[in-house]
PDB file of all heavy atoms in Angstrom:
ATOM      1  N   LEU A   1     -20.426  -7.025  -6.650  1.00  0.00           N
ATOM      2  CA  LEU A   1     -20.345  -6.346  -5.356  1.00  0.00           C
ATOM      3  C   LEU A   1     -19.594  -7.204  -4.346  1.00  0.00           C
ATOM      4  O   LEU A   1     -18.709  -6.727  -3.627  1.00  0.00           O
ATOM      5  CB  LEU A   1     -21.736  -6.007  -4.837  1.00  0.00           C
ATOM      6  CG  LEU A   1     -21.797  -5.392  -3.433  1.00  0.00           C
ATOM      7  CD1 LEU A   1     -21.110  -4.037  -3.427  1.00  0.00           C
ATOM      8  CD2 LEU A   1     -23.230  -5.272  -2.977  1.00  0.00           C
ATOM      9  N   GLY A   2     -19.927  -8.488  -4.277  1.00  0.00           N
ATOM     10  CA  GLY A   2     -19.233  -9.385  -3.357  1.00  0.00           C
ATOM     11  C   GLY A   2     -17.756  -9.496  -3.671  1.00  0.00           C
ATOM     12  O   GLY A   2     -16.908  -9.482  -2.761  1.00  0.00           O
ATOM     13  N   LEU A   3     -17.413  -9.587  -4.941  1.00  0.00           N
ATOM     14  CA  LEU A   3     -16.014  -9.672  -5.342  1.00  0.00           C
ATOM     15  C   LEU A   3     -15.261  -8.405  -4.966  1.00  0.00           C
ATOM     16  O   LEU A   3     -14.173  -8.460  -4.377  1.00  0.00           O
ATOM     17  CB  LEU A   3     -15.912  -9.925  -6.844  1.00  0.00           C
ATOM     18  CG  LEU A   3     -14.503  -9.992  -7.414  1.00  0.00           C
ATOM     19  CD1 LEU A   3     -13.782 -11.222  -6.896  1.00  0.00           C
ATOM     20  CD2 LEU A   3     -14.540  -9.992  -8.928  1.00  0.00           C
ATOM     21  N   LEU A   4     -15.825  -7.243  -5.285  1.00  0.00           N
ATOM     22  CA  LEU A   4     -15.153  -5.979  -4.969  1.00  0.00           C
ATOM     23  C   LEU A   4     -15.051  -5.759  -3.471  1.00  0.00           C
ATOM     24  O   LEU A   4     -14.041  -5.271  -2.973  1.00  0.00           O
ATOM     25  CB  LEU A   4     -15.881  -4.814  -5.648  1.00  0.00           C
ATOM     26  CG  LEU A   4     -15.815  -4.807  -7.175  1.00  0.00           C
ATOM     27  CD1 LEU A   4     -16.649  -3.666  -7.740  1.00  0.00           C
ATOM     28  CD2 LEU A   4     -14.386  -4.714  -7.663  1.00  0.00           C
ATOM     29  N   TRP A   5     -16.087  -6.121  -2.740  1.00  0.00           N
ATOM     30  CA  TRP A   5     -16.063  -5.974  -1.287  1.00  0.00           C
ATOM     31  C   TRP A   5     -14.999  -6.888  -0.687  1.00  0.00           C
ATOM     32  O   TRP A   5     -14.230  -6.503   0.183  1.00  0.00           O
ATOM     33  CB  TRP A   5     -17.427  -6.316  -0.715  1.00  0.00           C
ATOM     34  CG  TRP A   5     -17.641  -5.946   0.724  1.00  0.00           C
ATOM     35  CD1 TRP A   5     -16.727  -5.946   1.732  1.00  0.00           C
ATOM     36  CD2 TRP A   5     -18.850  -5.505   1.308  1.00  0.00           C
ATOM     37  NE1 TRP A   5     -17.298  -5.556   2.910  1.00  0.00           N
ATOM     38  CE2 TRP A   5     -18.603  -5.276   2.680  1.00  0.00           C
ATOM     39  CE3 TRP A   5     -20.131  -5.310   0.822  1.00  0.00           C
ATOM     40  CZ2 TRP A   5     -19.596  -4.859   3.542  1.00  0.00           C
ATOM     41  CZ3 TRP A   5     -21.111  -4.889   1.693  1.00  0.00           C
ATOM     42  CH2 TRP A   5     -20.836  -4.660   3.043  1.00  0.00           C
ATOM     43  N   GLY A   6     -14.927  -8.106  -1.171  1.00  0.00           N
ATOM     44  CA  GLY A   6     -13.945  -9.055  -0.667  1.00  0.00           C
ATOM     45  C   GLY A   6     -12.517  -8.656  -0.986  1.00  0.00           C
ATOM     46  O   GLY A   6     -11.595  -8.929  -0.221  1.00  0.00           O
ATOM     47  N   LEU A   7     -12.299  -8.012  -2.129  1.00  0.00           N
ATOM     48  CA  LEU A   7     -10.953  -7.588  -2.513  1.00  0.00           C
ATOM     49  C   LEU A   7     -10.548  -6.262  -1.881  1.00  0.00           C
ATOM     50  O   LEU A   7      -9.386  -5.878  -1.966  1.00  0.00           O
ATOM     51  CB  LEU A   7     -10.845  -7.486  -4.037  1.00  0.00           C
ATOM     52  CG  LEU A   7     -10.899  -8.803  -4.790  1.00  0.00           C
ATOM     53  CD1 LEU A   7     -10.909  -8.565  -6.285  1.00  0.00           C
ATOM     54  CD2 LEU A   7      -9.737  -9.696  -4.396  1.00  0.00           C
ATOM     55  N   ASN A   8     -11.476  -5.571  -1.255  1.00  0.00           N
ATOM     56  CA  ASN A   8     -11.190  -4.266  -0.672  1.00  0.00           C
ATOM     57  C   ASN A   8     -10.106  -4.340   0.392  1.00  0.00           C
ATOM     58  O   ASN A   8      -9.155  -3.560   0.397  1.00  0.00           O
ATOM     59  CB  ASN A   8     -12.475  -3.675  -0.080  1.00  0.00           C
ATOM     60  CG  ASN A   8     -12.246  -2.332   0.558  1.00  0.00           C
ATOM     61  OD1 ASN A   8     -11.541  -1.496   0.026  1.00  0.00           O
ATOM     62  ND2 ASN A   8     -12.838  -2.132   1.711  1.00  0.00           N
ATOM     63  N   TRP A   9     -10.207  -5.280   1.325  1.00  0.00           N
ATOM     64  CA  TRP A   9      -9.249  -5.363   2.431  1.00  0.00           C
ATOM     65  C   TRP A   9      -7.842  -5.666   1.938  1.00  0.00           C
ATOM     66  O   TRP A   9      -6.904  -4.960   2.293  1.00  0.00           O
ATOM     67  CB  TRP A   9      -9.723  -6.401   3.452  1.00  0.00           C
ATOM     68  CG  TRP A   9      -8.895  -6.413   4.686  1.00  0.00           C
ATOM     69  CD1 TRP A   9      -8.952  -5.543   5.724  1.00  0.00           C
ATOM     70  CD2 TRP A   9      -7.856  -7.341   5.005  1.00  0.00           C
ATOM     71  NE1 TRP A   9      -8.017  -5.878   6.684  1.00  0.00           N
ATOM     72  CE2 TRP A   9      -7.332  -6.975   6.253  1.00  0.00           C
ATOM     73  CE3 TRP A   9      -7.328  -8.447   4.354  1.00  0.00           C
ATOM     74  CZ2 TRP A   9      -6.316  -7.673   6.867  1.00  0.00           C
ATOM     75  CZ3 TRP A   9      -6.313  -9.141   4.970  1.00  0.00           C
ATOM     76  CH2 TRP A   9      -5.818  -8.741   6.218  1.00  0.00           C
ATOM     77  N   PRO A  10      -7.627  -6.705   1.106  1.00  0.00           N
ATOM     78  CA  PRO A  10      -6.262  -6.931   0.636  1.00  0.00           C
ATOM     79  C   PRO A  10      -5.743  -5.804  -0.236  1.00  0.00           C
ATOM     80  O   PRO A  10      -4.548  -5.483  -0.204  1.00  0.00           O
ATOM     81  CB  PRO A  10      -6.328  -8.246  -0.142  1.00  0.00           C
ATOM     82  CG  PRO A  10      -7.750  -8.627  -0.219  1.00  0.00           C
ATOM     83  CD  PRO A  10      -8.532  -7.773   0.702  1.00  0.00           C
ATOM     84  N   ALA A  11      -6.619  -5.169  -1.004  1.00  0.00           N
ATOM     85  CA  ALA A  11      -6.169  -4.068  -1.862  1.00  0.00           C
ATOM     86  C   ALA A  11      -5.682  -2.891  -1.021  1.00  0.00           C
ATOM     87  O   ALA A  11      -4.659  -2.271  -1.335  1.00  0.00           O
ATOM     88  CB  ALA A  11      -7.302  -3.622  -2.787  1.00  0.00           C
ATOM     89  N   VAL A  12      -6.384  -2.582   0.052  1.00  0.00           N
ATOM     90  CA  VAL A  12      -5.961  -1.494   0.940  1.00  0.00           C
ATOM     91  C   VAL A  12      -4.639  -1.840   1.619  1.00  0.00           C
ATOM     92  O   VAL A  12      -3.744  -0.998   1.742  1.00  0.00           O
ATOM     93  CB  VAL A  12      -7.065  -1.176   1.983  1.00  0.00           C
ATOM     94  CG1 VAL A  12      -6.551  -0.270   3.075  1.00  0.00           C
ATOM     95  CG2 VAL A  12      -8.261  -0.555   1.294  1.00  0.00           C
ATOM     96  N   LYS A  13      -4.485  -3.096   2.039  1.00  0.00           N
ATOM     97  CA  LYS A  13      -3.223  -3.528   2.661  1.00  0.00           C
ATOM     98  C   LYS A  13      -2.061  -3.375   1.683  1.00  0.00           C
ATOM     99  O   LYS A  13      -1.013  -2.835   2.040  1.00  0.00           O
ATOM    100  CB  LYS A  13      -3.310  -4.987   3.117  1.00  0.00           C
ATOM    101  CG  LYS A  13      -4.074  -5.191   4.365  1.00  0.00           C
ATOM    102  CD  LYS A  13      -3.256  -4.766   5.536  1.00  0.00           C
ATOM    103  CE  LYS A  13      -3.885  -5.253   6.816  1.00  0.00           C
ATOM    104  NZ  LYS A  13      -3.187  -4.805   7.974  1.00  0.00           N
ATOM    105  N   VAL A  14      -2.235  -3.871   0.468  1.00  0.00           N
ATOM    106  CA  VAL A  14      -1.169  -3.791  -0.533  1.00  0.00           C
ATOM    107  C   VAL A  14      -0.844  -2.337  -0.850  1.00  0.00           C
ATOM    108  O   VAL A  14       0.326  -1.944  -0.906  1.00  0.00           O
ATOM    109  CB  VAL A  14      -1.554  -4.573  -1.806  1.00  0.00           C
ATOM    110  CG1 VAL A  14      -0.605  -4.274  -2.952  1.00  0.00           C
ATOM    111  CG2 VAL A  14      -1.587  -6.064  -1.524  1.00  0.00           C
ATOM    112  N   ALA A  15      -1.872  -1.521  -1.027  1.00  0.00           N
ATOM    113  CA  ALA A  15      -1.647  -0.114  -1.353  1.00  0.00           C
ATOM    114  C   ALA A  15      -0.948   0.623  -0.217  1.00  0.00           C
ATOM    115  O   ALA A  15       0.013   1.361  -0.441  1.00  0.00           O
ATOM    116  CB  ALA A  15      -2.977   0.568  -1.688  1.00  0.00           C
ATOM    117  N   SER A  16      -1.405   0.420   1.015  1.00  0.00           N
ATOM    118  CA  SER A  16      -0.801   1.156   2.130  1.00  0.00           C
ATOM    119  C   SER A  16       0.637   0.703   2.386  1.00  0.00           C
ATOM    120  O   SER A  16       1.516   1.540   2.659  1.00  0.00           O
ATOM    121  CB  SER A  16      -1.645   1.004   3.395  1.00  0.00           C
ATOM    122  OG  SER A  16      -1.725  -0.340   3.789  1.00  0.00           O
ATOM    123  N   LEU A  17       0.903  -0.600   2.281  1.00  0.00           N
ATOM    124  CA  LEU A  17       2.273  -1.063   2.470  1.00  0.00           C
ATOM    125  C   LEU A  17       3.180  -0.596   1.337  1.00  0.00           C
ATOM    126  O   LEU A  17       4.351  -0.288   1.564  1.00  0.00           O
ATOM    127  CB  LEU A  17       2.307  -2.590   2.599  1.00  0.00           C
ATOM    128  CG  LEU A  17       1.717  -3.144   3.888  1.00  0.00           C
ATOM    129  CD1 LEU A  17       1.662  -4.669   3.848  1.00  0.00           C
ATOM    130  CD2 LEU A  17       2.484  -2.683   5.100  1.00  0.00           C
ATOM    131  N   SER A  18       2.648  -0.520   0.133  1.00  0.00           N
ATOM    132  CA  SER A  18       3.443  -0.028  -0.995  1.00  0.00           C
ATOM    133  C   SER A  18       3.783   1.445  -0.817  1.00  0.00           C
ATOM    134  O   SER A  18       4.932   1.862  -1.040  1.00  0.00           O
ATOM    135  CB  SER A  18       2.679  -0.224  -2.313  1.00  0.00           C
ATOM    136  OG  SER A  18       2.464  -1.591  -2.550  1.00  0.00           O
ATOM    137  N   ILE A  19       2.814   2.238  -0.411  1.00  0.00           N
ATOM    138  CA  ILE A  19       3.055   3.664  -0.188  1.00  0.00           C
ATOM    139  C   ILE A  19       4.055   3.864   0.944  1.00  0.00           C
ATOM    140  O   ILE A  19       4.973   4.680   0.839  1.00  0.00           O
ATOM    141  CB  ILE A  19       1.726   4.405   0.094  1.00  0.00           C
ATOM    142  CG1 ILE A  19       0.881   4.435  -1.184  1.00  0.00           C
ATOM    143  CG2 ILE A  19       1.973   5.813   0.607  1.00  0.00           C
ATOM    144  CD1 ILE A  19      -0.548   4.895  -0.965  1.00  0.00           C
ATOM    145  N   ALA A  20       3.908   3.099   2.024  1.00  0.00           N
ATOM    146  CA  ALA A  20       4.850   3.210   3.143  1.00  0.00           C
ATOM    147  C   ALA A  20       6.261   2.807   2.720  1.00  0.00           C
ATOM    148  O   ALA A  20       7.244   3.451   3.100  1.00  0.00           O
ATOM    149  CB  ALA A  20       4.379   2.335   4.301  1.00  0.00           C
ATOM    150  N   SER A  21       6.366   1.761   1.910  1.00  0.00           N
ATOM    151  CA  SER A  21       7.678   1.321   1.437  1.00  0.00           C
ATOM    152  C   SER A  21       8.330   2.371   0.555  1.00  0.00           C
ATOM    153  O   SER A  21       9.532   2.656   0.689  1.00  0.00           O
ATOM    154  CB  SER A  21       7.555   0.007   0.656  1.00  0.00           C
ATOM    155  OG  SER A  21       7.056  -1.004   1.476  1.00  0.00           O
ATOM    156  N   LEU A  22       7.562   2.949  -0.343  1.00  0.00           N
ATOM    157  CA  LEU A  22       8.110   3.997  -1.210  1.00  0.00           C
ATOM    158  C   LEU A  22       8.503   5.238  -0.411  1.00  0.00           C
ATOM    159  O   LEU A  22       9.524   5.874  -0.698  1.00  0.00           O
ATOM    160  CB  LEU A  22       7.110   4.358  -2.304  1.00  0.00           C
ATOM    161  CG  LEU A  22       6.892   3.281  -3.367  1.00  0.00           C
ATOM    162  CD1 LEU A  22       5.757   3.679  -4.305  1.00  0.00           C
ATOM    163  CD2 LEU A  22       8.168   3.015  -4.143  1.00  0.00           C
ATOM    164  N   ALA A  23       7.722   5.587   0.607  1.00  0.00           N
ATOM    165  CA  ALA A  23       8.057   6.744   1.444  1.00  0.00           C
ATOM    166  C   ALA A  23       9.350   6.476   2.221  1.00  0.00           C
ATOM    167  O   ALA A  23      10.211   7.360   2.323  1.00  0.00           O
ATOM    168  CB  ALA A  23       6.908   7.046   2.412  1.00  0.00           C
ATOM    169  N   LEU A  24       9.489   5.264   2.751  1.00  0.00           N
ATOM    170  CA  LEU A  24      10.713   4.902   3.462  1.00  0.00           C
ATOM    171  C   LEU A  24      11.920   4.938   2.532  1.00  0.00           C
ATOM    172  O   LEU A  24      12.979   5.462   2.898  1.00  0.00           O
ATOM    173  CB  LEU A  24      10.575   3.512   4.086  1.00  0.00           C
ATOM    174  CG  LEU A  24      11.802   2.968   4.815  1.00  0.00           C
ATOM    175  CD1 LEU A  24      12.176   3.866   5.983  1.00  0.00           C
ATOM    176  CD2 LEU A  24      11.537   1.545   5.295  1.00  0.00           C
ATOM    177  N   LEU A  25      11.761   4.423   1.338  1.00  0.00           N
ATOM    178  CA  LEU A  25      12.843   4.438   0.353  1.00  0.00           C
ATOM    179  C   LEU A  25      13.222   5.879   0.006  1.00  0.00           C
ATOM    180  O   LEU A  25      14.412   6.225  -0.006  1.00  0.00           O
ATOM    181  CB  LEU A  25      12.431   3.674  -0.904  1.00  0.00           C
ATOM    182  CG  LEU A  25      13.442   3.669  -2.041  1.00  0.00           C
ATOM    183  CD1 LEU A  25      14.712   2.950  -1.620  1.00  0.00           C
ATOM    184  CD2 LEU A  25      12.832   3.025  -3.279  1.00  0.00           C
ATOM    185  N   ALA A  26      12.241   6.729  -0.249  1.00  0.00           N
ATOM    186  CA  ALA A  26      12.522   8.125  -0.593  1.00  0.00           C
ATOM    187  C   ALA A  26      13.217   8.845   0.563  1.00  0.00           C
ATOM    188  O   ALA A  26      14.177   9.598   0.346  1.00  0.00           O
ATOM    189  CB  ALA A  26      11.216   8.842  -0.960  1.00  0.00           C
ATOM    190  N   PHE A  27      12.757   8.610   1.782  1.00  0.00           N
ATOM    191  CA  PHE A  27      13.358   9.242   2.954  1.00  0.00           C
ATOM    192  C   PHE A  27      14.806   8.800   3.120  1.00  0.00           C
ATOM    193  O   PHE A  27      15.700   9.614   3.355  1.00  0.00           O
ATOM    194  CB  PHE A  27      12.541   8.895   4.202  1.00  0.00           C
ATOM    195  CG  PHE A  27      13.095   9.460   5.468  1.00  0.00           C
ATOM    196  CD1 PHE A  27      12.942  10.811   5.769  1.00  0.00           C
ATOM    197  CD2 PHE A  27      13.778   8.659   6.366  1.00  0.00           C
ATOM    198  CE1 PHE A  27      13.460  11.339   6.933  1.00  0.00           C
ATOM    199  CE2 PHE A  27      14.306   9.172   7.538  1.00  0.00           C
ATOM    200  CZ  PHE A  27      14.149  10.522   7.815  1.00  0.00           C
ATOM    201  N   THR A  28      15.035   7.492   2.996  1.00  0.00           N
ATOM    202  CA  THR A  28      16.387   6.953   3.175  1.00  0.00           C
ATOM    203  C   THR A  28      17.335   7.468   2.102  1.00  0.00           C
ATOM    204  O   THR A  28      18.449   7.918   2.401  1.00  0.00           O
ATOM    205  CB  THR A  28      16.352   5.412   3.151  1.00  0.00           C
ATOM    206  OG1 THR A  28      15.488   4.976   4.197  1.00  0.00           O
ATOM    207  CG2 THR A  28      17.724   4.826   3.348  1.00  0.00           C
ATOM    208  N   LEU A  29      16.917   7.415   0.847  1.00  0.00           N
ATOM    209  CA  LEU A  29      17.770   7.890  -0.239  1.00  0.00           C
ATOM    210  C   LEU A  29      17.957   9.404  -0.175  1.00  0.00           C
ATOM    211  O   LEU A  29      19.021   9.915  -0.510  1.00  0.00           O
ATOM    212  CB  LEU A  29      17.189   7.469  -1.592  1.00  0.00           C
ATOM    213  CG  LEU A  29      17.138   5.964  -1.841  1.00  0.00           C
ATOM    214  CD1 LEU A  29      16.478   5.665  -3.184  1.00  0.00           C
ATOM    215  CD2 LEU A  29      18.516   5.339  -1.748  1.00  0.00           C
ATOM    216  N   GLY A  30      16.932  10.122   0.274  1.00  0.00           N
ATOM    217  CA  GLY A  30      17.036  11.576   0.421  1.00  0.00           C
ATOM    218  C   GLY A  30      18.066  11.989   1.463  1.00  0.00           C
ATOM    219  O   GLY A  30      18.665  13.056   1.363  1.00  0.00           O
ATOM    220  N   ARG A  31      18.279  11.144   2.446  1.00  0.00           N
ATOM    221  CA  ARG A  31      19.284  11.429   3.478  1.00  0.00           C
ATOM    222  C   ARG A  31      20.648  10.853   3.120  1.00  0.00           C
ATOM    223  O   ARG A  31      21.571  10.894   3.931  1.00  0.00           O
ATOM    224  CB  ARG A  31      18.827  10.849   4.821  1.00  0.00           C
ATOM    225  CG  ARG A  31      17.565  11.537   5.322  1.00  0.00           C
ATOM    226  CD  ARG A  31      17.211  11.117   6.692  1.00  0.00           C
ATOM    227  NE  ARG A  31      18.248  11.567   7.620  1.00  0.00           N
ATOM    228  CZ  ARG A  31      18.421  11.121   8.844  1.00  0.00           C
ATOM    229  NH1 ARG A  31      17.627  10.192   9.290  1.00  0.00           N
ATOM    230  NH2 ARG A  31      19.367  11.570   9.623  1.00  0.00           N
TER     231      ARG A  31
END
């Protein structure tokens, strides 16, 4: 529980930045 709780914050940061990066890439290439 402690390990998963501690990894939650960095995992959310990595996931959200990855999704934002892919969305930016798709938008840019789409245009």
